[in-house]
Amino acid sequence: MPVISVDMLRGRTDAEKAALARELTDAFQRTCGSARERIYVVIHDIPQEDWAVGGEMCTNLPAYAPPSEPAPSPAG
């Protein structure tokens, strides 16, 4: 039973994570020949405040800041 573990910064949508799981499963099946139903993908969403790059917390690095909320559209 292969298990693919992915640690990534929080912020992806459920649809993006589902697509990632499908693509990883496809790649593993293609490369290793395992049956799809025996390939497990575990996605760990890590908050920016718990992740560091180069000794700096991601909350202090603009490139790793979570996406900002879109501005509300004017009513009308």
PDB file of N, CA and C in Angstrom:
ATOM      1  N   MET A   1       0.844  -1.172   0.000  1.00  0.00           N
ATOM      2  CA  MET A   1       0.000   0.000   0.000  1.00  0.00           C
ATOM      3  C   MET A   1       0.894   1.242   0.000  1.00  0.00           C
ATOM      4  N   PRO A   2       1.157   1.831  -1.151  1.00  0.00           N
ATOM      5  CA  PRO A   2       1.957   3.052  -1.185  1.00  0.00           C
ATOM      6  C   PRO A   2       1.169   4.241  -0.634  1.00  0.00           C
ATOM      7  N   VAL A   3       1.860   5.076   0.129  1.00  0.00           N
ATOM      8  CA  VAL A   3       1.275   6.300   0.666  1.00  0.00           C
ATOM      9  C   VAL A   3       2.136   7.465   0.195  1.00  0.00           C
ATOM     10  N   ILE A   4       1.516   8.407  -0.488  1.00  0.00           N
ATOM     11  CA  ILE A   4       2.195   9.620  -0.940  1.00  0.00           C
ATOM     12  C   ILE A   4       1.782  10.726   0.022  1.00  0.00           C
ATOM     13  N   SER A   5       2.752  11.322   0.693  1.00  0.00           N
ATOM     14  CA  SER A   5       2.479  12.372   1.670  1.00  0.00           C
ATOM     15  C   SER A   5       2.946  13.708   1.107  1.00  0.00           C
ATOM     16  N   VAL A   6       2.058  14.701   1.135  1.00  0.00           N
ATOM     17  CA  VAL A   6       2.363  16.025   0.603  1.00  0.00           C
ATOM     18  C   VAL A   6       2.197  17.045   1.724  1.00  0.00           C
ATOM     19  N   ASP A   7       3.266  17.763   2.041  1.00  0.00           N
ATOM     20  CA  ASP A   7       3.202  18.888   2.974  1.00  0.00           C
ATOM     21  C   ASP A   7       3.266  20.149   2.131  1.00  0.00           C
ATOM     22  N   MET A   8       2.270  21.014   2.275  1.00  0.00           N
ATOM     23  CA  MET A   8       2.272  22.253   1.502  1.00  0.00           C
ATOM     24  C   MET A   8       1.578  23.348   2.292  1.00  0.00           C
ATOM     25  N   LEU A   9       1.888  24.576   1.921  1.00  0.00           N
ATOM     26  CA  LEU A   9       1.267  25.705   2.588  1.00  0.00           C
ATOM     27  C   LEU A   9      -0.232  25.705   2.337  1.00  0.00           C
ATOM     28  N   ARG A  10      -0.959  26.042   3.361  1.00  0.00           N
ATOM     29  CA  ARG A  10      -2.414  26.137   3.279  1.00  0.00           C
ATOM     30  C   ARG A  10      -2.801  27.184   2.234  1.00  0.00           C
ATOM     31  N   GLY A  11      -3.940  26.983   1.602  1.00  0.00           N
ATOM     32  CA  GLY A  11      -4.438  27.984   0.665  1.00  0.00           C
ATOM     33  C   GLY A  11      -4.971  27.410  -0.629  1.00  0.00           C
ATOM     34  N   ARG A  12      -4.749  26.120  -0.881  1.00  0.00           N
ATOM     35  CA  ARG A  12      -5.277  25.518  -2.109  1.00  0.00           C
ATOM     36  C   ARG A  12      -6.745  25.178  -1.917  1.00  0.00           C
ATOM     37  N   THR A  13      -7.496  25.216  -2.992  1.00  0.00           N
ATOM     38  CA  THR A  13      -8.913  24.857  -2.935  1.00  0.00           C
ATOM     39  C   THR A  13      -9.060  23.339  -2.902  1.00  0.00           C
ATOM     40  N   ASP A  14     -10.251  22.884  -2.540  1.00  0.00           N
ATOM     41  CA  ASP A  14     -10.523  21.444  -2.562  1.00  0.00           C
ATOM     42  C   ASP A  14     -10.344  20.890  -3.970  1.00  0.00           C
ATOM     43  N   ALA A  15     -10.743  21.659  -4.979  1.00  0.00           N
ATOM     44  CA  ALA A  15     -10.596  21.210  -6.372  1.00  0.00           C
ATOM     45  C   ALA A  15      -9.118  21.071  -6.744  1.00  0.00           C
ATOM     46  N   GLU A  16      -8.282  22.003  -6.317  1.00  0.00           N
ATOM     47  CA  GLU A  16      -6.843  21.913  -6.594  1.00  0.00           C
ATOM     48  C   GLU A  16      -6.227  20.698  -5.904  1.00  0.00           C
ATOM     49  N   LYS A  17      -6.634  20.449  -4.659  1.00  0.00           N
ATOM     50  CA  LYS A  17      -6.100  19.292  -3.938  1.00  0.00           C
ATOM     51  C   LYS A  17      -6.575  17.990  -4.572  1.00  0.00           C
ATOM     52  N   ALA A  18      -7.816  17.952  -5.036  1.00  0.00           N
ATOM     53  CA  ALA A  18      -8.323  16.749  -5.710  1.00  0.00           C
ATOM     54  C   ALA A  18      -7.549  16.496  -6.999  1.00  0.00           C
ATOM     55  N   ALA A  19      -7.268  17.563  -7.756  1.00  0.00           N
ATOM     56  CA  ALA A  19      -6.497  17.418  -8.996  1.00  0.00           C
ATOM     57  C   ALA A  19      -5.080  16.933  -8.692  1.00  0.00           C
ATOM     58  N   LEU A  20      -4.478  17.456  -7.642  1.00  0.00           N
ATOM     59  CA  LEU A  20      -3.142  17.020  -7.242  1.00  0.00           C
ATOM     60  C   LEU A  20      -3.151  15.537  -6.883  1.00  0.00           C
ATOM     61  N   ALA A  21      -4.141  15.113  -6.112  1.00  0.00           N
ATOM     62  CA  ALA A  21      -4.242  13.701  -5.724  1.00  0.00           C
ATOM     63  C   ALA A  21      -4.389  12.804  -6.955  1.00  0.00           C
ATOM     64  N   ARG A  22      -5.201  13.228  -7.919  1.00  0.00           N
ATOM     65  CA  ARG A  22      -5.368  12.447  -9.159  1.00  0.00           C
ATOM     66  C   ARG A  22      -4.058  12.353  -9.924  1.00  0.00           C
ATOM     67  N   GLU A  23      -3.380  13.492 -10.089  1.00  0.00           N
ATOM     68  CA  GLU A  23      -2.128  13.515 -10.856  1.00  0.00           C
ATOM     69  C   GLU A  23      -1.036  12.688 -10.179  1.00  0.00           C
ATOM     70  N   LEU A  24      -0.928  12.790  -8.865  1.00  0.00           N
ATOM     71  CA  LEU A  24       0.068  11.990  -8.147  1.00  0.00           C
ATOM     72  C   LEU A  24      -0.241  10.501  -8.267  1.00  0.00           C
ATOM     73  N   THR A  25      -1.514  10.158  -8.157  1.00  0.00           N
ATOM     74  CA  THR A  25      -1.925   8.758  -8.303  1.00  0.00           C
ATOM     75  C   THR A  25      -1.603   8.257  -9.700  1.00  0.00           C
ATOM     76  N   ASP A  26      -1.930   9.059 -10.721  1.00  0.00           N
ATOM     77  CA  ASP A  26      -1.628   8.680 -12.111  1.00  0.00           C
ATOM     78  C   ASP A  26      -0.129   8.442 -12.296  1.00  0.00           C
ATOM     79  N   ALA A  27       0.687   9.370 -11.784  1.00  0.00           N
ATOM     80  CA  ALA A  27       2.143   9.259 -11.946  1.00  0.00           C
ATOM     81  C   ALA A  27       2.681   8.021 -11.239  1.00  0.00           C
ATOM     82  N   PHE A  28       2.201   7.756 -10.037  1.00  0.00           N
ATOM     83  CA  PHE A  28       2.679   6.588  -9.300  1.00  0.00           C
ATOM     84  C   PHE A  28       2.265   5.307 -10.007  1.00  0.00           C
ATOM     85  N   GLN A  29       1.019   5.264 -10.467  1.00  0.00           N
ATOM     86  CA  GLN A  29       0.539   4.071 -11.164  1.00  0.00           C
ATOM     87  C   GLN A  29       1.343   3.842 -12.443  1.00  0.00           C
ATOM     88  N   ARG A  30       1.578   4.907 -13.194  1.00  0.00           N
ATOM     89  CA  ARG A  30       2.315   4.813 -14.451  1.00  0.00           C
ATOM     90  C   ARG A  30       3.760   4.355 -14.209  1.00  0.00           C
ATOM     91  N   THR A  31       4.373   4.855 -13.161  1.00  0.00           N
ATOM     92  CA  THR A  31       5.774   4.570 -12.879  1.00  0.00           C
ATOM     93  C   THR A  31       5.988   3.235 -12.174  1.00  0.00           C
ATOM     94  N   CYS A  32       5.119   2.923 -11.232  1.00  0.00           N
ATOM     95  CA  CYS A  32       5.340   1.747 -10.373  1.00  0.00           C
ATOM     96  C   CYS A  32       4.360   0.605 -10.619  1.00  0.00           C
ATOM     97  N   GLY A  33       3.286   0.882 -11.354  1.00  0.00           N
ATOM     98  CA  GLY A  33       2.349  -0.174 -11.706  1.00  0.00           C
ATOM     99  C   GLY A  33       1.382  -0.598 -10.621  1.00  0.00           C
ATOM    100  N   SER A  34       1.266   0.148  -9.546  1.00  0.00           N
ATOM    101  CA  SER A  34       0.322  -0.204  -8.484  1.00  0.00           C
ATOM    102  C   SER A  34      -1.112   0.032  -8.935  1.00  0.00           C
ATOM    103  N   ALA A  35      -2.031  -0.733  -8.359  1.00  0.00           N
ATOM    104  CA  ALA A  35      -3.453  -0.526  -8.634  1.00  0.00           C
ATOM    105  C   ALA A  35      -3.895   0.787  -7.994  1.00  0.00           C
ATOM    106  N   ARG A  36      -4.695   1.567  -8.717  1.00  0.00           N
ATOM    107  CA  ARG A  36      -5.137   2.882  -8.238  1.00  0.00           C
ATOM    108  C   ARG A  36      -5.759   2.818  -6.846  1.00  0.00           C
ATOM    109  N   GLU A  37      -6.590   1.800  -6.634  1.00  0.00           N
ATOM    110  CA  GLU A  37      -7.309   1.720  -5.362  1.00  0.00           C
ATOM    111  C   GLU A  37      -6.391   1.383  -4.180  1.00  0.00           C
ATOM    112  N   ARG A  38      -5.131   1.100  -4.458  1.00  0.00           N
ATOM    113  CA  ARG A  38      -4.167   0.799  -3.389  1.00  0.00           C
ATOM    114  C   ARG A  38      -3.188   1.953  -3.153  1.00  0.00           C
ATOM    115  N   ILE A  39      -3.346   3.043  -3.911  1.00  0.00           N
ATOM    116  CA  ILE A  39      -2.459   4.205  -3.768  1.00  0.00           C
ATOM    117  C   ILE A  39      -3.167   5.255  -2.912  1.00  0.00           C
ATOM    118  N   TYR A  40      -2.540   5.635  -1.828  1.00  0.00           N
ATOM    119  CA  TYR A  40      -3.106   6.621  -0.911  1.00  0.00           C
ATOM    120  C   TYR A  40      -2.332   7.926  -1.031  1.00  0.00           C
ATOM    121  N   VAL A  41      -3.059   9.047  -1.010  1.00  0.00           N
ATOM    122  CA  VAL A  41      -2.442  10.372  -1.007  1.00  0.00           C
ATOM    123  C   VAL A  41      -2.943  11.098   0.238  1.00  0.00           C
ATOM    124  N   VAL A  42      -2.011  11.596   1.036  1.00  0.00           N
ATOM    125  CA  VAL A  42      -2.347  12.349   2.242  1.00  0.00           C
ATOM    126  C   VAL A  42      -1.799  13.757   2.059  1.00  0.00           C
ATOM    127  N   ILE A  43      -2.680  14.752   2.158  1.00  0.00           N
ATOM    128  CA  ILE A  43      -2.274  16.150   1.985  1.00  0.00           C
ATOM    129  C   ILE A  43      -2.340  16.841   3.344  1.00  0.00           C
ATOM    130  N   HIS A  44      -1.221  17.422   3.738  1.00  0.00           N
ATOM    131  CA  HIS A  44      -1.135  18.157   4.995  1.00  0.00           C
ATOM    132  C   HIS A  44      -1.081  19.642   4.656  1.00  0.00           C
ATOM    133  N   ASP A  45      -2.117  20.382   5.018  1.00  0.00           N
ATOM    134  CA  ASP A  45      -2.138  21.834   4.838  1.00  0.00           C
ATOM    135  C   ASP A  45      -1.455  22.475   6.042  1.00  0.00           C
ATOM    136  N   ILE A  46      -0.337  23.122   5.798  1.00  0.00           N
ATOM    137  CA  ILE A  46       0.436  23.730   6.877  1.00  0.00           C
ATOM    138  C   ILE A  46       0.201  25.242   6.852  1.00  0.00           C
ATOM    139  N   PRO A  47      -0.219  25.835   7.966  1.00  0.00           N
ATOM    140  CA  PRO A  47      -0.399  27.287   7.981  1.00  0.00           C
ATOM    141  C   PRO A  47       0.944  28.008   7.840  1.00  0.00           C
ATOM    142  N   GLN A  48       0.912  29.188   7.217  1.00  0.00           N
ATOM    143  CA  GLN A  48       2.128  29.961   6.970  1.00  0.00           C
ATOM    144  C   GLN A  48       2.895  30.232   8.262  1.00  0.00           C
ATOM    145  N   GLU A  49       2.184  30.386   9.373  1.00  0.00           N
ATOM    146  CA  GLU A  49       2.869  30.685  10.636  1.00  0.00           C
ATOM    147  C   GLU A  49       3.633  29.481  11.198  1.00  0.00           C
ATOM    148  N   ASP A  50       3.451  28.315  10.596  1.00  0.00           N
ATOM    149  CA  ASP A  50       4.161  27.111  11.036  1.00  0.00           C
ATOM    150  C   ASP A  50       5.204  26.637  10.024  1.00  0.00           C
ATOM    151  N   TRP A  51       5.563  27.475   9.060  1.00  0.00           N
ATOM    152  CA  TRP A  51       6.485  27.073   7.998  1.00  0.00           C
ATOM    153  C   TRP A  51       7.561  28.143   7.866  1.00  0.00           C
ATOM    154  N   ALA A  52       8.804  27.708   7.727  1.00  0.00           N
ATOM    155  CA  ALA A  52       9.913  28.655   7.549  1.00  0.00           C
ATOM    156  C   ALA A  52      10.711  28.287   6.305  1.00  0.00           C
ATOM    157  N   VAL A  53      11.269  29.301   5.652  1.00  0.00           N
ATOM    158  CA  VAL A  53      12.133  29.120   4.486  1.00  0.00           C
ATOM    159  C   VAL A  53      13.384  29.951   4.736  1.00  0.00           C
ATOM    160  N   GLY A  54      14.532  29.327   4.637  1.00  0.00           N
ATOM    161  CA  GLY A  54      15.789  30.048   4.845  1.00  0.00           C
ATOM    162  C   GLY A  54      15.893  30.673   6.226  1.00  0.00           C
ATOM    163  N   GLY A  55      15.268  30.060   7.211  1.00  0.00           N
ATOM    164  CA  GLY A  55      15.333  30.571   8.574  1.00  0.00           C
ATOM    165  C   GLY A  55      14.331  31.661   8.888  1.00  0.00           C
ATOM    166  N   GLU A  56      13.504  32.035   7.918  1.00  0.00           N
ATOM    167  CA  GLU A  56      12.491  33.075   8.121  1.00  0.00           C
ATOM    168  C   GLU A  56      11.105  32.455   8.047  1.00  0.00           C
ATOM    169  N   MET A  57      10.250  32.843   8.972  1.00  0.00           N
ATOM    170  CA  MET A  57       8.878  32.347   8.944  1.00  0.00           C
ATOM    171  C   MET A  57       8.165  32.898   7.706  1.00  0.00           C
ATOM    172  N   CYS A  58       7.346  32.075   7.103  1.00  0.00           N
ATOM    173  CA  CYS A  58       6.653  32.481   5.873  1.00  0.00           C
ATOM    174  C   CYS A  58       5.759  33.694   6.087  1.00  0.00           C
ATOM    175  N   THR A  59       5.278  33.881   7.307  1.00  0.00           N
ATOM    176  CA  THR A  59       4.450  35.058   7.575  1.00  0.00           C
ATOM    177  C   THR A  59       5.241  36.347   7.403  1.00  0.00           C
ATOM    178  N   ASN A  60       6.582  36.264   7.414  1.00  0.00           N
ATOM    179  CA  ASN A  60       7.435  37.442   7.219  1.00  0.00           C
ATOM    180  C   ASN A  60       7.945  37.569   5.786  1.00  0.00           C
ATOM    181  N   LEU A  61       7.579  36.645   4.927  1.00  0.00           N
ATOM    182  CA  LEU A  61       8.066  36.640   3.550  1.00  0.00           C
ATOM    183  C   LEU A  61       6.906  36.903   2.593  1.00  0.00           C
ATOM    184  N   PRO A  62       6.918  38.047   1.908  1.00  0.00           N
ATOM    185  CA  PRO A  62       5.800  38.388   1.024  1.00  0.00           C
ATOM    186  C   PRO A  62       5.489  37.318  -0.022  1.00  0.00           C
ATOM    187  N   ALA A  63       6.495  36.633  -0.516  1.00  0.00           N
ATOM    188  CA  ALA A  63       6.260  35.620  -1.554  1.00  0.00           C
ATOM    189  C   ALA A  63       5.427  34.455  -1.039  1.00  0.00           C
ATOM    190  N   TYR A  64       5.390  34.258   0.272  1.00  0.00           N
ATOM    191  CA  TYR A  64       4.663  33.131   0.851  1.00  0.00           C
ATOM    192  C   TYR A  64       3.406  33.560   1.589  1.00  0.00           C
ATOM    193  N   ALA A  65       3.051  34.821   1.491  1.00  0.00           N
ATOM    194  CA  ALA A  65       1.851  35.306   2.171  1.00  0.00           C
ATOM    195  C   ALA A  65       0.623  34.639   1.565  1.00  0.00           C
ATOM    196  N   PRO A  66      -0.383  34.361   2.389  1.00  0.00           N
ATOM    197  CA  PRO A  66      -1.598  33.766   1.832  1.00  0.00           C
ATOM    198  C   PRO A  66      -2.250  34.736   0.856  1.00  0.00           C
ATOM    199  N   PRO A  67      -2.964  34.215  -0.134  1.00  0.00           N
ATOM    200  CA  PRO A  67      -3.619  35.110  -1.092  1.00  0.00           C
ATOM    201  C   PRO A  67      -4.614  36.011  -0.373  1.00  0.00           C
ATOM    202  N   SER A  68      -4.668  37.255  -0.823  1.00  0.00           N
ATOM    203  CA  SER A  68      -5.596  38.189  -0.190  1.00  0.00           C
ATOM    204  C   SER A  68      -7.008  37.937  -0.701  1.00  0.00           C
ATOM    205  N   GLU A  69      -7.954  38.320   0.110  1.00  0.00           N
ATOM    206  CA  GLU A  69      -9.360  38.177  -0.268  1.00  0.00           C
ATOM    207  C   GLU A  69      -9.656  39.148  -1.409  1.00  0.00           C
ATOM    208  N   PRO A  70     -10.436  38.716  -2.404  1.00  0.00           N
ATOM    209  CA  PRO A  70     -10.801  39.660  -3.461  1.00  0.00           C
ATOM    210  C   PRO A  70     -11.700  40.759  -2.899  1.00  0.00           C
ATOM    211  N   ALA A  71     -11.549  41.941  -3.451  1.00  0.00           N
ATOM    212  CA  ALA A  71     -12.385  43.058  -3.012  1.00  0.00           C
ATOM    213  C   ALA A  71     -13.835  42.776  -3.384  1.00  0.00           C
ATOM    214  N   PRO A  72     -14.767  43.113  -2.485  1.00  0.00           N
ATOM    215  CA  PRO A  72     -16.177  42.878  -2.824  1.00  0.00           C
ATOM    216  C   PRO A  72     -16.581  43.740  -4.009  1.00  0.00           C
ATOM    217  N   SER A  73     -17.406  43.172  -4.872  1.00  0.00           N
ATOM    218  CA  SER A  73     -17.865  43.945  -6.027  1.00  0.00           C
ATOM    219  C   SER A  73     -18.978  44.884  -5.585  1.00  0.00           C
ATOM    220  N   PRO A  74     -19.013  46.067  -6.184  1.00  0.00           N
ATOM    221  CA  PRO A  74     -20.043  47.037  -5.800  1.00  0.00           C
ATOM    222  C   PRO A  74     -21.436  46.511  -6.149  1.00  0.00           C
ATOM    223  N   ALA A  75     -22.373  46.771  -5.271  1.00  0.00           N
ATOM    224  CA  ALA A  75     -23.768  46.350  -5.525  1.00  0.00           C
ATOM    225  C   ALA A  75     -24.343  47.234  -6.614  1.00  0.00           C
ATOM    226  N   GLY A  76     -25.122  46.625  -7.431  1.00  0.00           N
ATOM    227  CA  GLY A  76     -25.723  47.493  -8.431  1.00  0.00           C
ATOM    228  C   GLY A  76     -26.180  46.812  -9.572  1.00  0.00           C
TER     229      GLY A  76
END
